[in-house]
N, C-alpha and C. Protein backbone atom coordinates (compact mmCIF):
# COMPACT_ATOMS: atom_id res chain seq x y z
N MET A 1 3.31 39.07 62.99
CA MET A 1 2.96 37.68 62.46
C MET A 1 4.92 36.81 62.36
N THR A 2 5.19 37.77 61.49
CA THR A 2 6.68 38.29 61.23
C THR A 2 7.61 37.81 63.08
N SER A 3 7.48 38.59 63.66
CA SER A 3 7.99 37.99 65.12
C SER A 3 7.53 36.74 66.49
N THR A 4 6.49 36.68 66.10
CA THR A 4 6.22 35.43 66.06
C THR A 4 6.81 34.03 65.89
N LYS A 5 6.56 34.03 64.04
CA LYS A 5 7.86 33.02 63.79
C LYS A 5 9.46 33.34 64.19
N LYS A 6 9.89 34.19 63.94
CA LYS A 6 11.15 34.15 64.78
C LYS A 6 11.33 34.16 66.08
N SER A 7 10.47 34.35 67.42
CA SER A 7 10.58 33.46 68.43
C SER A 7 10.27 32.10 68.78
N ALA A 8 9.54 32.30 68.37
CA ALA A 8 9.87 30.06 67.56
C ALA A 8 11.10 29.73 67.58
N ARG A 9 11.39 29.93 66.47
CA ARG A 9 12.93 29.49 66.19
C ARG A 9 13.91 30.69 67.33
N SER A 10 14.18 31.30 67.07
CA SER A 10 14.91 31.20 68.51
C SER A 10 14.69 30.75 69.92
N SER A 11 13.56 30.25 70.41
CA SER A 11 13.60 29.55 71.16
C SER A 11 13.92 27.86 71.46
N THR A 12 13.27 27.43 70.29
CA THR A 12 13.93 26.21 69.33
C THR A 12 15.46 26.13 69.25
N ALA A 13 16.46 27.10 68.76
CA ALA A 13 17.32 26.70 68.72
C ALA A 13 18.16 26.62 69.96
N ALA A 14 18.06 27.97 71.02
CA ALA A 14 18.10 28.28 72.42
C ALA A 14 17.72 26.31 73.41
N ALA A 15 16.74 25.91 72.96
CA ALA A 15 16.42 24.57 73.16
C ALA A 15 17.88 24.05 73.37
N GLY A 16 17.93 22.97 72.44
CA GLY A 16 18.42 22.86 71.86
C GLY A 16 19.82 22.51 70.45
N LYS A 17 20.94 23.11 70.32
CA LYS A 17 21.65 22.86 68.83
C LYS A 17 21.39 21.61 68.50
N HIS A 18 21.57 21.72 66.78
CA HIS A 18 20.65 21.08 66.10
C HIS A 18 21.01 21.30 64.68
N ASP A 19 22.74 20.87 64.24
CA ASP A 19 23.49 21.23 62.64
C ASP A 19 22.92 20.65 61.57
N GLY A 20 22.13 19.12 62.10
CA GLY A 20 21.53 18.35 60.73
C GLY A 20 22.23 17.09 61.12
N PHE A 21 23.52 16.77 59.69
CA PHE A 21 24.12 15.15 59.92
C PHE A 21 24.58 14.97 61.42
N THR A 22 25.07 14.00 61.60
CA THR A 22 26.21 14.14 62.24
C THR A 22 27.15 13.96 61.14
N ALA A 23 28.99 14.32 62.21
CA ALA A 23 29.97 14.03 62.15
C ALA A 23 30.16 12.16 60.83
N GLU A 24 29.28 10.98 61.39
CA GLU A 24 29.61 9.60 60.78
C GLU A 24 28.68 9.52 60.11
N GLU A 25 27.19 10.59 60.32
CA GLU A 25 26.52 10.30 58.97
C GLU A 25 26.99 10.44 57.82
N ARG A 26 27.92 11.82 58.20
CA ARG A 26 28.56 12.83 57.11
C ARG A 26 29.17 12.06 56.05
N ASP A 27 30.05 10.96 57.56
CA ASP A 27 31.25 10.17 56.94
C ASP A 27 30.71 8.81 55.56
N ALA A 28 29.83 8.18 56.13
CA ALA A 28 29.09 7.01 55.89
C ALA A 28 28.55 8.23 54.53
N MET A 29 27.65 9.10 54.28
CA MET A 29 27.03 9.83 52.98
C MET A 29 28.41 9.25 52.03
N LYS A 30 29.50 9.91 52.26
CA LYS A 30 30.90 10.34 51.28
C LYS A 30 30.96 9.09 50.74
N GLU A 31 30.76 7.95 51.85
CA GLU A 31 32.03 6.64 51.64
C GLU A 31 30.79 6.27 50.55
N ARG A 32 29.56 6.27 51.31
CA ARG A 32 28.64 5.96 49.53
C ARG A 32 28.36 6.37 48.95
N ALA A 33 28.86 8.26 48.29
CA ALA A 33 29.12 8.43 47.05
C ALA A 33 30.45 7.45 46.37
N LYS A 34 31.66 7.46 47.10
CA LYS A 34 33.22 7.13 46.60
C LYS A 34 32.57 5.57 45.88
N GLU A 35 31.36 5.13 46.99
CA GLU A 35 31.24 3.34 46.03
C GLU A 35 30.04 4.00 44.86
N LEU A 36 29.86 4.52 44.49
CA LEU A 36 28.27 4.71 43.16
C LEU A 36 29.72 5.37 42.64
N LYS A 37 30.62 6.18 42.81
CA LYS A 37 31.62 6.72 41.68
C LYS A 37 32.68 5.28 41.49
N SER A 38 32.92 4.46 42.14
CA SER A 38 33.42 3.19 41.97
C SER A 38 32.67 2.73 41.25
N ALA A 39 31.91 2.52 41.19
CA ALA A 39 31.11 1.18 41.02
C ALA A 39 30.33 1.83 39.13
N ARG A 40 29.98 2.95 38.82
CA ARG A 40 30.62 3.42 37.88
C ARG A 40 31.55 3.80 36.56
N ARG A 41 33.03 3.95 37.46
CA ARG A 41 33.85 3.83 36.44
C ARG A 41 34.76 1.99 36.51
N GLY A 42 33.25 1.26 37.42
CA GLY A 42 33.75 0.39 36.80
C GLY A 42 32.46 -0.82 35.84
N SER A 43 31.26 -0.32 35.70
CA SER A 43 31.08 -0.79 35.15
C SER A 43 31.15 -1.79 33.71
N GLY A 44 32.17 -0.15 32.93
CA GLY A 44 32.61 -0.57 31.47
C GLY A 44 33.47 -1.86 31.43
N GLY A 45 34.68 -2.37 32.17
CA GLY A 45 35.54 -2.88 32.30
C GLY A 45 34.78 -4.89 32.92
N ALA A 46 35.87 -5.17 34.18
CA ALA A 46 35.66 -6.38 34.18
C ALA A 46 35.36 -5.52 36.23
N LYS A 47 34.18 -6.93 35.98
CA LYS A 47 33.85 -7.33 37.93
C LYS A 47 34.21 -6.45 38.61
N ALA A 48 34.27 -5.37 39.20
CA ALA A 48 34.85 -5.35 40.65
C ALA A 48 35.16 -6.54 41.80
N ASP A 49 36.20 -6.74 42.17
CA ASP A 49 35.86 -7.46 43.35
C ASP A 49 35.63 -7.15 44.71
N THR A 50 34.69 -6.42 44.43
CA THR A 50 33.60 -5.92 46.05
C THR A 50 33.56 -6.62 46.97
N GLU A 51 33.72 -8.51 46.96
CA GLU A 51 34.02 -9.37 48.49
C GLU A 51 35.55 -8.75 48.85
N SER A 52 36.18 -8.45 47.92
CA SER A 52 37.91 -8.29 48.88
C SER A 52 37.67 -6.67 49.46
N GLU A 53 36.45 -5.65 48.77
CA GLU A 53 36.28 -4.81 49.24
C GLU A 53 35.74 -4.82 50.77
N VAL A 54 35.01 -5.45 50.85
CA VAL A 54 34.14 -5.49 52.00
C VAL A 54 34.88 -6.61 52.58
N LEU A 55 35.61 -7.67 52.49
CA LEU A 55 36.49 -7.88 53.60
C LEU A 55 37.68 -7.16 53.93
N ALA A 56 38.04 -6.10 53.48
CA ALA A 56 38.89 -5.29 53.97
C ALA A 56 38.48 -4.32 55.05
N LYS A 57 37.26 -3.85 54.38
CA LYS A 57 36.68 -2.54 55.05
C LYS A 57 36.14 -4.03 56.76
N ILE A 58 35.65 -5.06 56.49
CA ILE A 58 35.78 -5.45 58.21
C ILE A 58 37.32 -5.56 58.74
N ALA A 59 38.40 -5.36 58.31
CA ALA A 59 39.47 -5.61 58.39
C ALA A 59 39.92 -4.27 59.76
N GLU A 60 38.76 -3.30 59.18
CA GLU A 60 39.47 -2.15 60.02
C GLU A 60 38.63 -2.08 60.87
N MET A 61 37.99 -2.96 61.49
CA MET A 61 37.10 -2.78 62.46
C MET A 61 37.87 -2.70 63.38
N PRO A 62 36.72 -2.55 64.70
CA PRO A 62 37.64 -2.66 65.66
C PRO A 62 37.30 -3.58 65.97
N GLU A 63 37.88 -4.39 67.53
CA GLU A 63 38.96 -6.71 67.32
C GLU A 63 36.90 -6.83 67.48
N ALA A 64 36.30 -5.91 68.68
CA ALA A 64 35.28 -6.37 69.24
C ALA A 64 34.06 -6.98 67.64
N ASP A 65 33.52 -5.76 66.55
CA ASP A 65 33.24 -5.43 65.65
C ASP A 65 33.50 -6.50 64.39
N ARG A 66 34.26 -6.83 64.22
CA ARG A 66 35.14 -7.04 63.57
C ARG A 66 35.39 -9.01 63.37
N VAL A 67 35.27 -9.55 65.36
CA VAL A 67 34.45 -10.94 65.32
C VAL A 67 33.29 -10.87 64.80
N LEU A 68 32.44 -9.71 64.59
CA LEU A 68 31.24 -10.26 64.81
C LEU A 68 30.32 -9.95 63.24
N ALA A 69 31.78 -9.07 62.90
CA ALA A 69 31.20 -8.85 61.16
C ALA A 69 31.61 -10.69 60.33
N GLU A 70 33.28 -10.78 61.12
CA GLU A 70 33.98 -12.19 60.00
C GLU A 70 32.77 -13.25 59.91
N ARG A 71 31.97 -13.50 61.60
CA ARG A 71 31.04 -14.69 60.87
C ARG A 71 29.67 -14.65 60.38
N ILE A 72 28.92 -13.25 60.34
CA ILE A 72 27.69 -12.97 59.93
C ILE A 72 28.11 -12.99 58.70
N HIS A 73 29.52 -12.64 58.15
CA HIS A 73 30.15 -12.72 56.85
C HIS A 73 29.45 -13.71 56.22
N ALA A 74 31.01 -14.70 56.93
CA ALA A 74 30.73 -16.14 56.94
C ALA A 74 29.29 -16.87 56.56
N VAL A 75 29.30 -17.02 57.21
CA VAL A 75 26.71 -17.03 57.81
C VAL A 75 25.95 -17.07 56.68
N ILE A 76 26.30 -15.72 56.32
CA ILE A 76 25.54 -15.17 54.57
C ILE A 76 26.16 -15.56 54.16
N ARG A 77 27.17 -16.25 53.58
CA ARG A 77 27.26 -16.54 52.58
C ARG A 77 27.43 -17.93 52.45
N ALA A 78 27.49 -18.80 52.77
CA ALA A 78 27.27 -20.42 53.54
C ALA A 78 25.16 -20.09 52.93
N ALA A 79 24.78 -19.57 53.65
CA ALA A 79 22.84 -19.17 53.22
C ALA A 79 22.90 -18.88 51.88
N ALA A 80 23.14 -18.20 51.86
CA ALA A 80 22.89 -17.44 50.46
C ALA A 80 24.19 -16.81 50.04
N PRO A 81 24.27 -18.10 48.78
CA PRO A 81 25.80 -17.66 48.32
C PRO A 81 25.52 -16.81 47.11
N ASP A 82 24.57 -16.48 46.75
CA ASP A 82 23.78 -16.11 44.85
C ASP A 82 23.96 -14.35 45.67
N LEU A 83 23.85 -14.00 46.72
CA LEU A 83 24.39 -12.78 47.18
C LEU A 83 25.23 -12.34 47.01
N THR A 84 25.46 -10.98 46.36
CA THR A 84 26.54 -10.98 46.52
C THR A 84 27.33 -9.22 47.35
N PRO A 85 28.85 -10.15 47.93
CA PRO A 85 28.73 -8.68 49.67
C PRO A 85 29.66 -7.15 48.49
N LYS A 86 29.15 -6.61 49.52
CA LYS A 86 29.49 -5.37 48.51
C LYS A 86 29.33 -4.21 49.71
N LEU A 87 30.04 -3.14 49.56
CA LEU A 87 29.84 -2.29 50.68
C LEU A 87 28.49 -1.52 50.43
N TRP A 88 27.96 -1.09 51.51
CA TRP A 88 26.80 -0.24 51.23
C TRP A 88 26.98 0.84 52.23
N TYR A 89 27.74 2.14 52.39
CA TYR A 89 27.33 3.53 52.85
C TYR A 89 29.09 2.76 54.62
N GLY A 90 29.95 2.36 53.02
CA GLY A 90 30.70 1.77 54.24
C GLY A 90 30.51 0.59 54.99
N MET A 91 29.34 0.03 54.68
CA MET A 91 29.27 -1.49 55.67
C MET A 91 29.19 -1.60 55.01
N PRO A 92 29.53 -3.30 54.89
CA PRO A 92 29.48 -5.08 54.38
C PRO A 92 27.66 -4.68 54.29
N ALA A 93 27.67 -4.96 52.94
CA ALA A 93 25.73 -5.43 52.85
C ALA A 93 26.08 -6.34 51.51
N TYR A 94 24.62 -7.42 51.33
CA TYR A 94 24.51 -7.75 50.26
C TYR A 94 23.65 -7.99 49.68
N ALA A 95 24.23 -8.19 48.09
CA ALA A 95 23.17 -7.63 47.14
C ALA A 95 22.36 -8.65 46.81
N ARG A 96 21.17 -8.82 45.51
CA ARG A 96 20.57 -9.16 45.31
C ARG A 96 20.05 -8.29 43.94
N ASN A 97 20.51 -8.44 42.79
CA ASN A 97 21.09 -7.65 41.08
C ASN A 97 20.39 -6.10 41.59
N GLY A 98 22.06 -6.49 41.82
CA GLY A 98 22.42 -4.62 43.06
C GLY A 98 21.98 -4.69 43.77
N LYS A 99 20.67 -5.29 44.49
CA LYS A 99 20.31 -4.10 45.20
C LYS A 99 20.39 -4.47 47.07
N VAL A 100 20.42 -4.07 47.59
CA VAL A 100 20.82 -4.87 49.11
C VAL A 100 19.58 -5.00 49.43
N VAL A 101 19.87 -6.71 50.00
CA VAL A 101 18.61 -7.58 50.74
C VAL A 101 19.83 -7.76 52.55
N CYS A 102 21.01 -6.96 52.48
CA CYS A 102 21.17 -7.23 54.26
C CYS A 102 22.25 -7.02 54.14
N HIS A 103 22.11 -6.44 55.70
CA HIS A 103 23.77 -5.00 56.12
C HIS A 103 23.98 -5.44 56.91
N PHE A 104 25.66 -5.58 57.69
CA PHE A 104 26.18 -5.71 59.33
C PHE A 104 26.49 -3.57 59.63
N GLN A 105 26.00 -3.42 59.94
CA GLN A 105 26.80 -2.19 60.80
C GLN A 105 27.77 -1.93 62.52
N SER A 106 27.69 -1.93 62.14
CA SER A 106 29.07 -1.98 63.33
C SER A 106 28.47 -1.19 64.01
N ALA A 107 29.11 -1.58 65.66
CA ALA A 107 28.55 -0.67 66.88
C ALA A 107 29.50 0.29 66.05
N GLN A 108 30.98 0.57 66.27
CA GLN A 108 31.56 1.86 66.21
C GLN A 108 30.99 2.80 65.17
N LYS A 109 30.31 2.28 64.34
CA LYS A 109 30.59 3.05 63.06
C LYS A 109 29.38 4.27 63.51
N PHE A 110 29.04 4.34 64.16
CA PHE A 110 28.20 5.35 65.16
C PHE A 110 27.61 5.60 66.25
N LYS A 111 28.88 5.10 66.38
CA LYS A 111 28.88 4.79 68.11
C LYS A 111 27.11 4.11 68.95
N SER A 112 27.74 3.14 68.26
CA SER A 112 26.28 2.85 69.13
C SER A 112 26.47 1.92 69.72
N LYS A 113 25.31 1.67 70.80
CA LYS A 113 25.21 0.56 72.39
C LYS A 113 25.75 -0.47 71.30
N TYR A 114 25.10 -1.68 70.21
CA TYR A 114 25.79 -2.57 69.51
C TYR A 114 25.46 -2.67 67.95
N ALA A 115 26.23 -3.56 68.18
CA ALA A 115 26.09 -3.86 66.64
C ALA A 115 24.53 -4.04 65.50
N THR A 116 24.33 -4.31 64.77
CA THR A 116 23.41 -4.78 63.98
C THR A 116 23.20 -5.70 62.73
N LEU A 117 22.59 -6.39 62.54
CA LEU A 117 22.07 -6.48 61.43
C LEU A 117 20.54 -6.33 60.67
N GLY A 118 20.80 -5.64 59.63
CA GLY A 118 19.40 -5.06 59.45
C GLY A 118 19.37 -5.37 57.66
N PHE A 119 18.12 -5.64 57.61
CA PHE A 119 17.25 -6.22 56.19
C PHE A 119 16.76 -4.91 55.42
N SER A 120 16.52 -5.23 54.30
CA SER A 120 16.16 -3.94 53.02
C SER A 120 14.33 -4.95 53.70
N ASP A 121 13.94 -3.18 52.41
CA ASP A 121 12.79 -3.93 51.92
C ASP A 121 13.06 -4.77 50.73
N GLN A 122 13.62 -4.98 50.42
CA GLN A 122 14.05 -6.44 49.02
C GLN A 122 14.55 -8.16 49.49
N ALA A 123 14.19 -7.53 51.00
CA ALA A 123 14.43 -9.28 52.10
C ALA A 123 12.73 -9.38 51.77
N ALA A 124 12.04 -10.79 51.98
CA ALA A 124 10.92 -11.25 51.98
C ALA A 124 11.27 -11.61 53.33
N LEU A 125 10.59 -10.72 53.93
CA LEU A 125 10.81 -10.93 55.84
C LEU A 125 9.43 -10.74 55.62
N ASP A 126 8.34 -10.37 55.67
CA ASP A 126 6.89 -9.25 55.64
C ASP A 126 5.96 -10.42 56.38
N ASP A 127 6.32 -9.94 57.16
CA ASP A 127 5.27 -10.67 58.60
C ASP A 127 3.65 -10.37 59.10
N GLY A 128 2.98 -9.91 58.64
CA GLY A 128 2.06 -9.23 59.05
C GLY A 128 1.82 -7.77 58.71
N ALA A 129 1.71 -7.37 59.76
CA ALA A 129 1.44 -6.02 59.79
C ALA A 129 2.74 -5.31 60.51
N LEU A 130 3.37 -5.84 61.17
CA LEU A 130 4.84 -5.65 62.17
C LEU A 130 5.76 -6.72 62.41
N TRP A 131 6.77 -7.01 61.62
CA TRP A 131 7.95 -6.98 62.03
C TRP A 131 9.32 -6.59 61.85
N PRO A 132 10.16 -7.28 62.34
CA PRO A 132 11.35 -6.63 62.97
C PRO A 132 12.78 -6.27 60.96
N THR A 133 13.95 -4.88 61.24
CA THR A 133 13.73 -5.44 60.16
C THR A 133 15.48 -4.85 60.20
N ALA A 134 16.03 -4.85 61.82
CA ALA A 134 17.13 -5.31 62.47
C ALA A 134 17.09 -5.61 63.61
N TYR A 135 18.18 -6.18 63.14
CA TYR A 135 18.73 -6.84 65.04
C TYR A 135 20.54 -6.83 65.73
N ALA A 136 19.82 -6.56 67.11
CA ALA A 136 20.99 -5.99 67.48
C ALA A 136 22.18 -7.46 67.83
N VAL A 137 23.37 -7.26 67.95
CA VAL A 137 24.33 -8.60 67.60
C VAL A 137 24.81 -8.54 68.52
N THR A 138 25.37 -8.79 69.98
CA THR A 138 26.04 -8.65 70.66
C THR A 138 26.99 -9.77 70.36
N LYS A 139 26.63 -11.25 70.42
CA LYS A 139 26.94 -12.18 70.09
C LYS A 139 26.82 -13.43 69.32
N LEU A 140 27.99 -14.26 68.70
CA LEU A 140 27.17 -14.96 68.11
C LEU A 140 27.44 -16.55 69.05
N SER A 141 26.67 -17.52 68.96
CA SER A 141 26.72 -18.22 68.84
C SER A 141 25.57 -19.09 68.17
N ALA A 142 26.51 -20.61 68.34
CA ALA A 142 25.64 -21.79 67.13
C ALA A 142 24.39 -21.68 67.39
N ALA A 143 23.54 -20.63 68.59
CA ALA A 143 21.96 -20.33 67.77
C ALA A 143 22.14 -19.82 67.00
N GLU A 144 22.68 -18.53 67.62
CA GLU A 144 22.79 -17.02 66.85
C GLU A 144 22.82 -17.00 65.05
N GLU A 145 24.03 -18.04 64.89
CA GLU A 145 24.39 -18.17 63.97
C GLU A 145 23.52 -18.63 62.77
N LYS A 146 22.74 -19.73 63.30
CA LYS A 146 21.61 -21.03 62.54
C LYS A 146 20.09 -20.13 62.90
N ARG A 147 20.34 -19.06 64.30
CA ARG A 147 18.70 -18.26 63.31
C ARG A 147 19.92 -16.46 62.61
N ILE A 148 20.43 -16.06 62.35
CA ILE A 148 20.57 -15.76 61.34
C ILE A 148 20.51 -16.48 59.52
N SER A 149 21.11 -17.65 59.37
CA SER A 149 21.03 -18.07 58.76
C SER A 149 19.61 -18.35 58.31
N ALA A 150 19.25 -18.13 58.70
CA ALA A 150 17.34 -19.11 58.57
C ALA A 150 17.16 -17.84 58.15
N LEU A 151 17.72 -16.43 58.54
CA LEU A 151 16.82 -15.12 58.49
C LEU A 151 17.12 -15.01 57.30
N VAL A 152 18.13 -15.48 56.29
CA VAL A 152 18.79 -14.89 55.23
C VAL A 152 18.54 -15.81 54.76
N LYS A 153 18.28 -17.09 54.33
CA LYS A 153 17.28 -17.53 53.65
C LYS A 153 15.75 -17.53 53.40
N LYS A 154 15.32 -17.31 54.05
CA LYS A 154 13.69 -16.32 54.06
C LYS A 154 14.07 -15.48 53.34
N ALA A 155 14.64 -13.45 53.86
CA ALA A 155 14.94 -13.02 52.80
C ALA A 155 15.60 -13.38 51.39
N VAL A 156 16.27 -14.38 51.37
CA VAL A 156 16.43 -14.22 49.59
C VAL A 156 14.99 -15.38 49.01
N GLY A 157 14.60 -15.33 49.92
CA GLY A 157 12.52 -15.93 49.50
C GLY A 157 13.28 -17.69 48.75
């Protein structure tokens, strides 16, 4: 029986190498650990200026993602001014009572085809037994901005 287990493991390893998390995923986890450490340090004093951290992270993005992130940030801030901008896994996110409701993920971050606007389980978007929790974003016209605004308003209830 042991030889069967060994051969199954060997054939799986030969078929496709899997080393666990990608470098991008490990970087995102490291960023999240820094964010949590920073939040713990700041909890005793004045509230950290998390919006400036978000804007700084957006400014670091490649142009295509930066343009989308800047507009999405403006739309979310206008649609739901009570949401607090913060970094979440190194990406712009918007939280209520410390819990992320929605977030932007640049295409470059995980070498994706497109950027996404995602919603967590804190978002009030439930619609029957099936609904989207992330949207691909390739460009923003007035129509897309209006749709994002409506989604964010619905998400915060």
